[in-house]
Structures are given as C-alpha cells and as structure tokens.
N, C-alpha and C. Protein backbone atom coordinates (compact mmCIF):
# COMPACT_ATOMS: atom_id res chain seq x y z
N MET A 1 -8.39 11.03 -2.19
CA MET A 1 -7.17 11.27 -1.86
C MET A 1 -6.27 10.94 -3.00
N LEU A 2 -6.52 10.06 -3.73
CA LEU A 2 -5.31 9.83 -5.38
C LEU A 2 -6.20 10.78 -6.16
N GLN A 3 -7.36 11.59 -6.16
CA GLN A 3 -7.71 12.96 -7.04
C GLN A 3 -7.08 14.06 -6.61
N LYS A 4 -6.09 14.26 -5.22
CA LYS A 4 -5.71 15.43 -4.63
C LYS A 4 -4.50 14.96 -5.13
N TYR A 5 -3.87 13.54 -4.65
CA TYR A 5 -2.61 13.36 -5.28
C TYR A 5 -2.44 13.81 -6.57
N GLU A 6 -3.01 13.42 -7.72
CA GLU A 6 -2.79 13.38 -8.97
C GLU A 6 -2.90 14.96 -9.34
N ALA A 7 -3.88 15.83 -8.70
CA ALA A 7 -3.78 17.23 -8.70
C ALA A 7 -2.42 18.02 -8.59
N LEU A 8 -2.00 17.38 -7.21
CA LEU A 8 -1.06 18.11 -6.42
C LEU A 8 0.36 17.69 -7.12
N LYS A 9 0.57 16.61 -7.80
CA LYS A 9 2.00 15.99 -8.21
C LYS A 9 2.37 16.75 -9.13
N GLY A 10 4.03 16.92 -9.35
CA GLY A 10 4.61 18.05 -10.10
C GLY A 10 4.08 19.23 -9.88
N GLY A 11 3.79 19.90 -8.90
CA GLY A 11 3.00 20.75 -9.01
C GLY A 11 4.50 21.97 -8.02
N GLN A 12 3.79 22.82 -7.00
CA GLN A 12 4.75 23.64 -6.34
C GLN A 12 4.95 22.53 -5.09
N VAL A 13 4.17 21.99 -4.56
CA VAL A 13 4.39 21.39 -3.29
C VAL A 13 5.20 20.16 -3.60
N ARG A 14 6.18 20.19 -2.93
CA ARG A 14 7.19 19.14 -2.81
C ARG A 14 6.91 18.14 -2.44
N ASN A 15 6.29 18.12 -1.06
CA ASN A 15 6.34 16.84 -0.09
C ASN A 15 5.09 17.16 0.10
N LEU A 16 4.42 15.96 -0.60
CA LEU A 16 2.72 15.78 -0.19
C LEU A 16 2.99 14.99 0.62
N GLU A 17 3.18 13.98 1.12
CA GLU A 17 3.42 13.16 1.85
C GLU A 17 2.12 13.62 3.33
N PRO A 18 2.73 15.25 4.12
CA PRO A 18 1.78 15.31 5.33
C PRO A 18 0.20 15.77 4.59
N VAL A 19 0.16 16.27 3.59
CA VAL A 19 -1.10 16.67 2.75
C VAL A 19 -1.79 15.48 2.54
N LEU A 20 -1.09 14.49 2.10
CA LEU A 20 -2.13 12.76 1.68
C LEU A 20 -1.97 12.28 3.00
N ASN A 21 -1.24 12.21 3.98
CA ASN A 21 -1.74 11.70 5.41
C ASN A 21 -2.85 12.47 5.77
N ARG A 22 -2.88 14.01 5.53
CA ARG A 22 -4.23 14.36 6.61
C ARG A 22 -5.25 14.23 5.77
N ILE A 23 -5.24 13.77 4.40
CA ILE A 23 -6.82 13.51 3.58
C ILE A 23 -7.17 11.78 4.44
N THR A 24 -5.98 11.03 4.33
CA THR A 24 -6.60 9.94 4.81
C THR A 24 -6.88 10.05 6.27
N GLY A 25 -6.48 10.68 6.92
CA GLY A 25 -6.84 10.85 8.18
C GLY A 25 -5.73 9.58 9.29
N VAL A 26 -5.04 9.07 8.73
CA VAL A 26 -3.93 8.47 9.38
C VAL A 26 -2.56 8.74 8.89
N PRO A 27 -1.39 8.19 9.58
CA PRO A 27 0.18 8.45 9.21
C PRO A 27 0.42 8.15 8.05
N PHE A 28 -0.04 7.37 7.20
CA PHE A 28 0.20 6.81 6.43
C PHE A 28 -0.52 6.88 4.76
N HIS A 29 -0.23 6.71 4.01
CA HIS A 29 -1.40 6.97 2.85
C HIS A 29 -0.86 5.64 1.31
N ASN A 30 -1.31 5.33 0.58
CA ASN A 30 -1.10 4.61 -0.75
C ASN A 30 -1.40 5.71 -2.04
N THR A 31 -0.26 5.65 -2.90
CA THR A 31 -0.72 6.58 -4.05
C THR A 31 -0.85 5.46 -4.96
N SER A 32 -1.18 4.24 -5.07
CA SER A 32 -1.44 3.28 -6.22
C SER A 32 -2.97 3.34 -6.50
N LYS A 33 -3.55 2.83 -7.77
CA LYS A 33 -4.29 2.75 -7.98
C LYS A 33 -5.33 1.17 -7.89
N PHE A 34 -4.08 0.47 -7.46
CA PHE A 34 -4.33 -0.85 -7.15
C PHE A 34 -5.26 -1.61 -5.91
N ASN A 35 -5.97 -2.00 -5.37
CA ASN A 35 -6.42 -2.18 -3.97
C ASN A 35 -6.59 -3.91 -4.31
N PHE A 36 -6.91 -5.16 -3.03
CA PHE A 36 -6.86 -6.25 -3.35
C PHE A 36 -7.63 -6.80 -4.47
N GLU A 37 -8.88 -6.19 -4.71
CA GLU A 37 -9.89 -6.71 -5.75
C GLU A 37 -9.22 -6.62 -6.72
N LYS A 38 -8.89 -5.35 -7.43
CA LYS A 38 -8.27 -5.11 -8.95
C LYS A 38 -6.95 -6.19 -8.59
N LEU A 39 -6.00 -6.05 -7.81
CA LEU A 39 -5.05 -7.23 -8.11
C LEU A 39 -5.44 -8.55 -8.32
N LYS A 40 -6.71 -8.96 -7.98
CA LYS A 40 -7.09 -10.34 -7.84
C LYS A 40 -7.60 -10.70 -9.48
N GLY A 41 -8.18 -8.96 -10.00
CA GLY A 41 -8.68 -9.29 -11.25
C GLY A 41 -7.27 -9.45 -12.25
N ASP A 42 -6.40 -9.40 -11.71
CA ASP A 42 -5.46 -9.52 -12.89
C ASP A 42 -4.02 -10.73 -12.44
N PRO A 43 -5.06 -11.88 -12.35
CA PRO A 43 -3.97 -12.53 -11.78
C PRO A 43 -2.72 -13.02 -12.65
N ASN A 44 -2.76 -12.82 -13.92
CA ASN A 44 -1.56 -12.92 -15.05
C ASN A 44 -0.29 -12.01 -14.28
N HIS A 45 -0.69 -10.89 -14.11
CA HIS A 45 0.29 -9.77 -13.84
C HIS A 45 0.11 -9.80 -12.21
N LEU A 46 0.12 -10.66 -11.31
CA LEU A 46 -0.40 -10.14 -9.76
C LEU A 46 1.10 -10.06 -9.06
N ALA A 47 1.94 -10.68 -9.55
CA ALA A 47 3.54 -10.32 -8.73
C ALA A 47 3.73 -8.83 -8.97
N ALA A 48 3.75 -8.37 -10.46
CA ALA A 48 4.03 -6.59 -10.58
C ALA A 48 3.27 -6.17 -10.40
N ASN A 49 1.75 -6.33 -10.14
CA ASN A 49 0.99 -5.27 -9.65
C ASN A 49 0.93 -5.46 -8.17
N LEU A 50 1.26 -6.59 -7.61
CA LEU A 50 1.21 -6.40 -6.12
C LEU A 50 2.49 -5.38 -5.44
N LYS A 51 3.71 -5.83 -6.37
CA LYS A 51 4.78 -4.72 -6.09
C LYS A 51 4.29 -3.39 -6.59
N ALA A 52 3.51 -3.01 -7.43
CA ALA A 52 3.60 -1.24 -7.84
C ALA A 52 2.57 -1.03 -6.96
N TYR A 53 1.56 -1.88 -5.91
CA TYR A 53 1.13 -1.44 -5.10
C TYR A 53 1.85 -1.21 -4.16
N ILE A 54 2.75 -1.88 -3.67
CA ILE A 54 3.69 -1.96 -2.63
C ILE A 54 4.72 -0.41 -2.42
N ARG A 55 5.25 -0.26 -3.53
CA ARG A 55 5.84 0.87 -3.79
C ARG A 55 5.00 2.10 -3.83
N GLY A 56 3.55 1.78 -3.84
CA GLY A 56 2.82 3.34 -3.59
C GLY A 56 2.25 3.70 -2.29
N PHE A 57 2.68 2.96 -1.55
CA PHE A 57 2.80 3.46 0.11
C PHE A 57 3.85 4.44 0.56
N SER A 58 3.24 5.50 1.54
CA SER A 58 4.25 6.46 1.62
C SER A 58 5.30 6.05 2.14
N ALA A 59 6.64 7.35 2.60
CA ALA A 59 7.79 6.66 2.91
C ALA A 59 7.66 6.13 4.41
N ASN A 60 6.67 6.71 5.22
CA ASN A 60 7.09 5.95 6.36
C ASN A 60 6.57 4.44 6.23
N ALA A 61 5.77 4.20 5.75
CA ALA A 61 5.09 2.99 5.47
C ALA A 61 6.05 1.76 4.64
N GLN A 62 7.02 2.47 3.81
CA GLN A 62 8.18 2.00 2.85
C GLN A 62 9.34 1.34 4.06
N ASP A 63 9.36 2.07 4.72
CA ASP A 63 10.64 1.53 6.10
C ASP A 63 9.95 0.05 6.07
N ILE A 64 9.29 -0.05 6.83
CA ILE A 64 8.40 -1.01 7.38
C ILE A 64 8.26 -2.30 5.99
N ILE A 65 7.85 -1.83 5.35
CA ILE A 65 8.10 -2.87 3.97
C ILE A 65 9.31 -3.16 3.33
N GLU A 66 10.57 -2.68 3.50
CA GLU A 66 11.60 -2.97 3.22
C GLU A 66 12.36 -3.73 4.33
N ARG A 67 12.04 -3.17 5.85
CA ARG A 67 12.67 -4.19 6.73
C ARG A 67 12.07 -5.41 6.71
N PHE A 68 10.98 -5.78 6.44
CA PHE A 68 10.57 -7.31 6.16
C PHE A 68 10.43 -7.66 4.67
N GLU A 69 11.28 -7.10 3.86
CA GLU A 69 11.77 -7.74 2.70
C GLU A 69 10.64 -8.55 1.91
N PHE A 70 9.36 -7.53 1.77
CA PHE A 70 8.14 -7.66 1.30
C PHE A 70 8.57 -8.51 -0.46
N ASP A 71 9.61 -7.48 -1.20
CA ASP A 71 9.72 -8.07 -2.46
C ASP A 71 10.20 -9.55 -2.69
N LYS A 72 10.96 -10.25 -1.69
CA LYS A 72 11.22 -11.14 -1.65
C LYS A 72 10.24 -12.33 -1.53
N HIS A 73 9.10 -11.93 -0.41
CA HIS A 73 7.91 -12.92 0.04
C HIS A 73 7.17 -12.71 -1.18
N VAL A 74 6.83 -12.21 -1.78
CA VAL A 74 6.40 -11.88 -3.06
C VAL A 74 6.86 -12.58 -4.26
N ALA A 75 7.94 -12.56 -4.42
CA ALA A 75 8.50 -13.40 -5.36
C ALA A 75 8.69 -14.92 -5.34
N LYS A 76 8.94 -15.41 -3.80
CA LYS A 76 8.83 -16.71 -3.15
C LYS A 76 7.24 -17.38 -3.46
N LEU A 77 6.11 -16.53 -3.07
CA LEU A 77 5.06 -16.85 -3.03
C LEU A 77 4.32 -17.12 -4.47
N ASP A 78 4.82 -16.04 -5.27
CA ASP A 78 4.96 -16.29 -6.90
C ASP A 78 5.21 -17.87 -7.49
N GLU A 79 6.41 -17.49 -7.06
CA GLU A 79 7.49 -18.85 -7.95
C GLU A 79 6.50 -20.44 -7.16
N SER A 80 6.19 -19.98 -6.14
CA SER A 80 5.41 -21.39 -5.04
C SER A 80 3.59 -21.42 -5.78
N ASN A 81 3.23 -20.62 -6.77
CA ASN A 81 1.88 -20.45 -7.07
C ASN A 81 1.13 -20.23 -5.51
N LEU A 82 1.46 -19.18 -4.86
CA LEU A 82 0.72 -19.27 -3.31
C LEU A 82 -0.01 -17.48 -3.69
N LEU A 83 1.08 -16.70 -4.26
CA LEU A 83 0.40 -15.50 -4.22
C LEU A 83 -0.91 -15.09 -4.60
N PHE A 84 -1.97 -15.58 -5.48
CA PHE A 84 -3.28 -15.15 -5.58
C PHE A 84 -4.06 -15.77 -4.94
N GLN A 85 -3.50 -16.92 -3.80
CA GLN A 85 -4.25 -17.20 -2.64
C GLN A 85 -3.91 -16.40 -1.63
N VAL A 86 -2.63 -15.91 -1.30
CA VAL A 86 -2.54 -14.91 -0.11
C VAL A 86 -3.42 -13.55 -0.44
N VAL A 87 -3.49 -13.06 -1.50
CA VAL A 87 -4.12 -11.87 -2.23
C VAL A 87 -5.52 -11.95 -1.92
N SER A 88 -6.21 -13.08 -2.09
CA SER A 88 -7.32 -13.11 -2.16
C SER A 88 -8.02 -13.45 -0.57
N ARG A 89 -7.10 -13.78 0.04
CA ARG A 89 -7.29 -13.93 1.63
C ARG A 89 -7.19 -12.44 2.19
N PHE A 90 -6.59 -11.85 1.86
CA PHE A 90 -6.61 -10.33 2.24
C PHE A 90 -7.56 -9.47 1.76
N ALA A 91 -7.87 -10.06 0.29
CA ALA A 91 -9.09 -9.27 -0.06
C ALA A 91 -10.32 -9.09 0.80
N GLU A 92 -10.48 -10.38 1.29
CA GLU A 92 -11.48 -10.75 2.14
C GLU A 92 -12.02 -10.01 3.63
N VAL A 93 -10.13 -9.32 3.78
CA VAL A 93 -10.27 -8.38 5.54
C VAL A 93 -10.40 -6.97 4.87
N ASP A 94 -11.50 -6.92 5.89
CA ASP A 94 -11.85 -5.04 5.72
C ASP A 94 -10.42 -4.35 7.00
N LEU A 95 -9.66 -3.45 5.81
CA LEU A 95 -8.80 -3.28 6.74
C LEU A 95 -8.68 -1.80 6.80
N HIS A 96 -10.20 -1.08 6.24
CA HIS A 96 -10.49 0.29 6.58
C HIS A 96 -10.05 0.58 8.04
N PRO A 97 -9.65 2.02 8.02
CA PRO A 97 -9.62 2.84 9.04
C PRO A 97 -10.48 2.78 10.52
N GLU A 98 -11.67 2.75 9.88
CA GLU A 98 -13.28 2.57 10.83
C GLU A 98 -13.40 1.18 11.50
N VAL A 99 -12.67 0.15 10.68
CA VAL A 99 -12.66 -1.06 11.35
C VAL A 99 -11.09 -1.67 12.25
N VAL A 100 -10.19 -1.22 11.32
CA VAL A 100 -8.92 -1.72 12.18
C VAL A 100 -8.80 -0.99 13.23
N PRO A 101 -8.42 -1.07 14.34
CA PRO A 101 -8.11 -0.13 15.33
C PRO A 101 -6.89 0.60 15.02
N THR A 102 -6.40 1.84 15.43
CA THR A 102 -6.12 3.16 15.13
C THR A 102 -4.55 3.14 16.38
N THR A 103 -4.88 2.36 17.25
CA THR A 103 -4.06 3.03 18.39
C THR A 103 -2.65 2.87 18.47
N SER A 104 -2.27 1.69 17.27
CA SER A 104 -0.47 1.63 17.12
C SER A 104 -0.24 2.51 15.82
N TRP A 105 -1.01 2.98 14.79
CA TRP A 105 -0.63 3.29 13.80
C TRP A 105 0.41 4.56 14.38
N GLY A 106 0.12 5.28 15.15
CA GLY A 106 1.30 6.38 15.38
C GLY A 106 2.82 5.68 15.45
N ARG A 107 2.98 4.16 15.71
CA ARG A 107 4.23 3.89 15.57
C ARG A 107 4.77 3.76 14.22
N CYS A 108 4.22 3.94 13.10
CA CYS A 108 4.44 3.41 11.78
C CYS A 108 5.36 4.48 11.40
N SER A 109 5.82 5.79 12.20
CA SER A 109 6.62 7.13 11.65
C SER A 109 8.26 6.33 11.90
N ARG A 110 8.79 6.88 10.93
CA ARG A 110 10.32 6.88 10.23
C ARG A 110 11.04 6.80 12.28
N SER A 111 11.86 6.10 12.18
CA SER A 111 12.75 6.29 13.80
C SER A 111 13.81 6.21 13.76
C-alpha cells in the first residue's frame, strides 16, 4: 500500500483514500512509514514519531483519533515517562486484519 501511495501522491488522482482502502482491504489505511516496532526503535523521538504515525491514518480514522484526543494522551504519557511502555505493549499485539475480527470495521466511516 505504501508503494502505491508513493507512486500516486501528487498525481492526477486527487482522492487516494478509496484506492488505498481497496488495497488494504479494510475501510481505512495508514500512510506513515512507522509501525510499533519502528517507534520503539527510536525512544528519544517516540512522542513525535507516534504523532506522525497517528497523522498517517486516513480521514475516517482521524475522526476517531480526534474525538479521543490522542495527541493529549500521547503528551501526558510522554511527560509521565510511560509512553515507551504503552507503545511496547501495543507492539506485542497482532493487529493484522487476519487476526482482528473485522465485523465492526464498517462503523469506522464518517457519520
């Protein structure tokens, strides 16, 4: 999906979201080059990199992210020196679509 995104961005297709969602097979995508393992690999820049990862999600996921004020939670966890522990725990969880039930993913769309 990232390769297709890089090839298409800045091109004639203005709304890449449907194309990228079709590639992922779920109603959202993330264009960030980060994943939880990569985030853990740079603990000195974890908060900034995690925010970049979060900003990489598609618009429908951004609605959810904004509603739960993830930026504020990331800042609080970083200030409390707990962010690395939380990211490390998430890195242990397999969130691949073949593992996580997709029955409720349709509810991720904008309302």
